[in-house]
Amino acid sequence: MAHLPIACSLDAAARGRRQSDLRTGVLADAHPVERLPNGYRWQLRHAPDLLARLGPIIDAERHCCRFLDFAISAEGDRGSVVLEITGPSGTADFLESWIRPAP
């Protein structure tokens, strides 16, 4: 894949709403959250509709933040789901806003 710049095509208001929705939605119960050198890893608790909710989120993010790479793994017996979002150098700093609201 070609190197893409770390940039989001959403305007500031739309980006803020999206980040808030992520923090209070699918990522709200993530534990642990692990910062990686090039992104983040969220361990999400099992929920009956979790994978169905992740699909549209990933699809939307792939349109506005084209530099992001997504990986999902699901433990057997309805265990936790791990979501990794990574990208080029600087991606972890970019994703901080997904975890903590801007001051």
C-alpha atoms as a PDB file:
ATOM      1  CA  MET A   1       0.000   0.000   0.000  1.00  0.00           C
ATOM      2  CA  ALA A   2       1.230   3.480  -0.819  1.00  0.00           C
ATOM      3  CA  HIS A   3       2.177   5.744   2.060  1.00  0.00           C
ATOM      4  CA  LEU A   4      -0.847   7.908   2.814  1.00  0.00           C
ATOM      5  CA  PRO A   5      -0.685  11.087   4.897  1.00  0.00           C
ATOM      6  CA  ILE A   6      -2.151  11.071   8.395  1.00  0.00           C
ATOM      7  CA  ALA A   7      -5.257  13.089   7.668  1.00  0.00           C
ATOM      8  CA  CYS A   8      -8.999  12.895   8.245  1.00  0.00           C
ATOM      9  CA  SER A   9     -11.348  14.222   5.579  1.00  0.00           C
ATOM     10  CA  LEU A  10     -14.098  15.093   8.093  1.00  0.00           C
ATOM     11  CA  ASP A  11     -14.467  18.683   9.235  1.00  0.00           C
ATOM     12  CA  ALA A  12     -13.685  19.421  12.895  1.00  0.00           C
ATOM     13  CA  ALA A  13     -17.318  19.249  14.052  1.00  0.00           C
ATOM     14  CA  ALA A  14     -18.044  15.929  12.317  1.00  0.00           C
ATOM     15  CA  ARG A  15     -14.731  14.476  13.521  1.00  0.00           C
ATOM     16  CA  GLY A  16     -15.539  15.524  17.106  1.00  0.00           C
ATOM     17  CA  ARG A  17     -18.968  13.870  16.934  1.00  0.00           C
ATOM     18  CA  ARG A  18     -17.482  10.677  15.491  1.00  0.00           C
ATOM     19  CA  GLN A  19     -14.799  10.507  18.188  1.00  0.00           C
ATOM     20  CA  SER A  20     -17.338  11.142  20.933  1.00  0.00           C
ATOM     21  CA  ASP A  21     -19.604   8.423  19.519  1.00  0.00           C
ATOM     22  CA  LEU A  22     -16.675   5.981  19.516  1.00  0.00           C
ATOM     23  CA  ARG A  23     -15.609   6.839  23.080  1.00  0.00           C
ATOM     24  CA  THR A  24     -19.148   6.455  24.440  1.00  0.00           C
ATOM     25  CA  GLY A  25     -20.129   3.585  22.144  1.00  0.00           C
ATOM     26  CA  VAL A  26     -18.199   0.529  21.058  1.00  0.00           C
ATOM     27  CA  LEU A  27     -14.924   1.603  22.739  1.00  0.00           C
ATOM     28  CA  ALA A  28     -16.535   2.599  26.061  1.00  0.00           C
ATOM     29  CA  ASP A  29     -16.059  -0.786  27.741  1.00  0.00           C
ATOM     30  CA  ALA A  30     -12.680  -1.591  26.207  1.00  0.00           C
ATOM     31  CA  HIS A  31     -10.249  -2.969  28.749  1.00  0.00           C
ATOM     32  CA  PRO A  32      -7.376  -3.029  28.491  1.00  0.00           C
ATOM     33  CA  VAL A  33      -6.490  -0.328  25.994  1.00  0.00           C
ATOM     34  CA  GLU A  34      -2.899  -0.655  24.833  1.00  0.00           C
ATOM     35  CA  ARG A  35      -0.875   1.955  23.012  1.00  0.00           C
ATOM     36  CA  LEU A  36       1.258   0.397  20.267  1.00  0.00           C
ATOM     37  CA  PRO A  37       4.225   2.033  18.506  1.00  0.00           C
ATOM     38  CA  ASN A  38       2.034   2.673  15.468  1.00  0.00           C
ATOM     39  CA  GLY A  39      -1.524   2.695  16.843  1.00  0.00           C
ATOM     40  CA  TYR A  40      -3.763   1.210  19.534  1.00  0.00           C
ATOM     41  CA  ARG A  41      -5.220  -2.129  20.598  1.00  0.00           C
ATOM     42  CA  TRP A  42      -8.619  -2.305  22.287  1.00  0.00           C
ATOM     43  CA  GLN A  43      -9.863  -5.458  24.028  1.00  0.00           C
ATOM     44  CA  LEU A  44     -13.651  -5.357  23.788  1.00  0.00           C
ATOM     45  CA  ARG A  45     -16.041  -7.397  25.903  1.00  0.00           C
ATOM     46  CA  HIS A  46     -18.315  -9.814  24.114  1.00  0.00           C
ATOM     47  CA  ALA A  47     -21.704  -8.434  23.136  1.00  0.00           C
ATOM     48  CA  PRO A  48     -24.178 -10.182  20.827  1.00  0.00           C
ATOM     49  CA  ASP A  49     -24.025  -7.395  18.239  1.00  0.00           C
ATOM     50  CA  LEU A  50     -20.416  -6.244  18.696  1.00  0.00           C
ATOM     51  CA  LEU A  51     -19.038  -7.506  15.385  1.00  0.00           C
ATOM     52  CA  ALA A  52     -22.083  -6.179  13.534  1.00  0.00           C
ATOM     53  CA  ARG A  53     -21.485  -2.740  15.098  1.00  0.00           C
ATOM     54  CA  LEU A  54     -17.759  -2.756  14.304  1.00  0.00           C
ATOM     55  CA  GLY A  55     -18.272  -3.315  10.566  1.00  0.00           C
ATOM     56  CA  PRO A  56     -19.956   0.022   9.776  1.00  0.00           C
ATOM     57  CA  ILE A  57     -17.523   1.891  12.048  1.00  0.00           C
ATOM     58  CA  ILE A  58     -14.520   0.449  10.239  1.00  0.00           C
ATOM     59  CA  ASP A  59     -16.129   1.121   6.872  1.00  0.00           C
ATOM     60  CA  ALA A  60     -16.788   4.771   7.784  1.00  0.00           C
ATOM     61  CA  GLU A  61     -13.250   5.264   9.119  1.00  0.00           C
ATOM     62  CA  ARG A  62     -11.736   3.732   5.980  1.00  0.00           C
ATOM     63  CA  HIS A  63     -13.428   6.476   3.970  1.00  0.00           C
ATOM     64  CA  CYS A  64     -12.339   9.483   6.044  1.00  0.00           C
ATOM     65  CA  CYS A  65      -9.014   8.252   7.489  1.00  0.00           C
ATOM     66  CA  ARG A  66      -7.600   6.269   4.597  1.00  0.00           C
ATOM     67  CA  PHE A  67      -4.185   5.775   6.242  1.00  0.00           C
ATOM     68  CA  LEU A  68      -5.584   3.533   8.999  1.00  0.00           C
ATOM     69  CA  ASP A  69      -5.200  -0.256   9.027  1.00  0.00           C
ATOM     70  CA  PHE A  70      -7.724  -2.371  10.956  1.00  0.00           C
ATOM     71  CA  ALA A  71      -7.389  -5.881  12.387  1.00  0.00           C
ATOM     72  CA  ILE A  72     -10.020  -7.773  14.383  1.00  0.00           C
ATOM     73  CA  SER A  73      -9.547 -11.030  16.250  1.00  0.00           C
ATOM     74  CA  ALA A  74     -12.264 -12.833  18.182  1.00  0.00           C
ATOM     75  CA  GLU A  75     -11.608 -15.375  20.928  1.00  0.00           C
ATOM     76  CA  GLY A  76     -13.547 -18.616  20.885  1.00  0.00           C
ATOM     77  CA  ASP A  77     -16.488 -19.372  23.152  1.00  0.00           C
ATOM     78  CA  ARG A  78     -17.758 -15.791  22.853  1.00  0.00           C
ATOM     79  CA  GLY A  79     -14.627 -14.385  24.441  1.00  0.00           C
ATOM     80  CA  SER A  80     -13.345 -10.888  23.928  1.00  0.00           C
ATOM     81  CA  VAL A  81     -12.815  -9.219  20.581  1.00  0.00           C
ATOM     82  CA  VAL A  82      -9.545  -7.397  19.956  1.00  0.00           C
ATOM     83  CA  LEU A  83      -9.509  -4.406  17.638  1.00  0.00           C
ATOM     84  CA  GLU A  84      -6.155  -3.062  16.448  1.00  0.00           C
ATOM     85  CA  ILE A  85      -5.962   0.183  14.536  1.00  0.00           C
ATOM     86  CA  THR A  86      -2.528   1.019  13.198  1.00  0.00           C
ATOM     87  CA  GLY A  87      -0.857   3.065  10.510  1.00  0.00           C
ATOM     88  CA  PRO A  88       2.286   5.005   9.700  1.00  0.00           C
ATOM     89  CA  SER A  89       4.431   6.764  12.292  1.00  0.00           C
ATOM     90  CA  GLY A  90       2.277   9.293  14.151  1.00  0.00           C
ATOM     91  CA  THR A  91      -0.901   7.215  14.064  1.00  0.00           C
ATOM     92  CA  ALA A  92      -0.870   6.523  17.819  1.00  0.00           C
ATOM     93  CA  ASP A  93      -0.795  10.268  18.519  1.00  0.00           C
ATOM     94  CA  PHE A  94      -3.654  10.803  16.057  1.00  0.00           C
ATOM     95  CA  LEU A  95      -5.735   8.116  17.795  1.00  0.00           C
ATOM     96  CA  GLU A  96      -5.305   9.724  21.242  1.00  0.00           C
ATOM     97  CA  SER A  97      -8.452  11.753  20.543  1.00  0.00           C
ATOM     98  CA  TRP A  98     -10.394   8.485  20.226  1.00  0.00           C
ATOM     99  CA  ILE A  99      -9.502   7.747  23.834  1.00  0.00           C
ATOM    100  CA  ARG A 100      -9.441  11.137  25.518  1.00  0.00           C
ATOM    101  CA  PRO A 101     -11.606  14.117  24.603  1.00  0.00           C
ATOM    102  CA  ALA A 102      -9.834  17.287  23.544  1.00  0.00           C
ATOM    103  CA  PRO A 103      -9.405  19.799  26.404  1.00  0.00           C
END
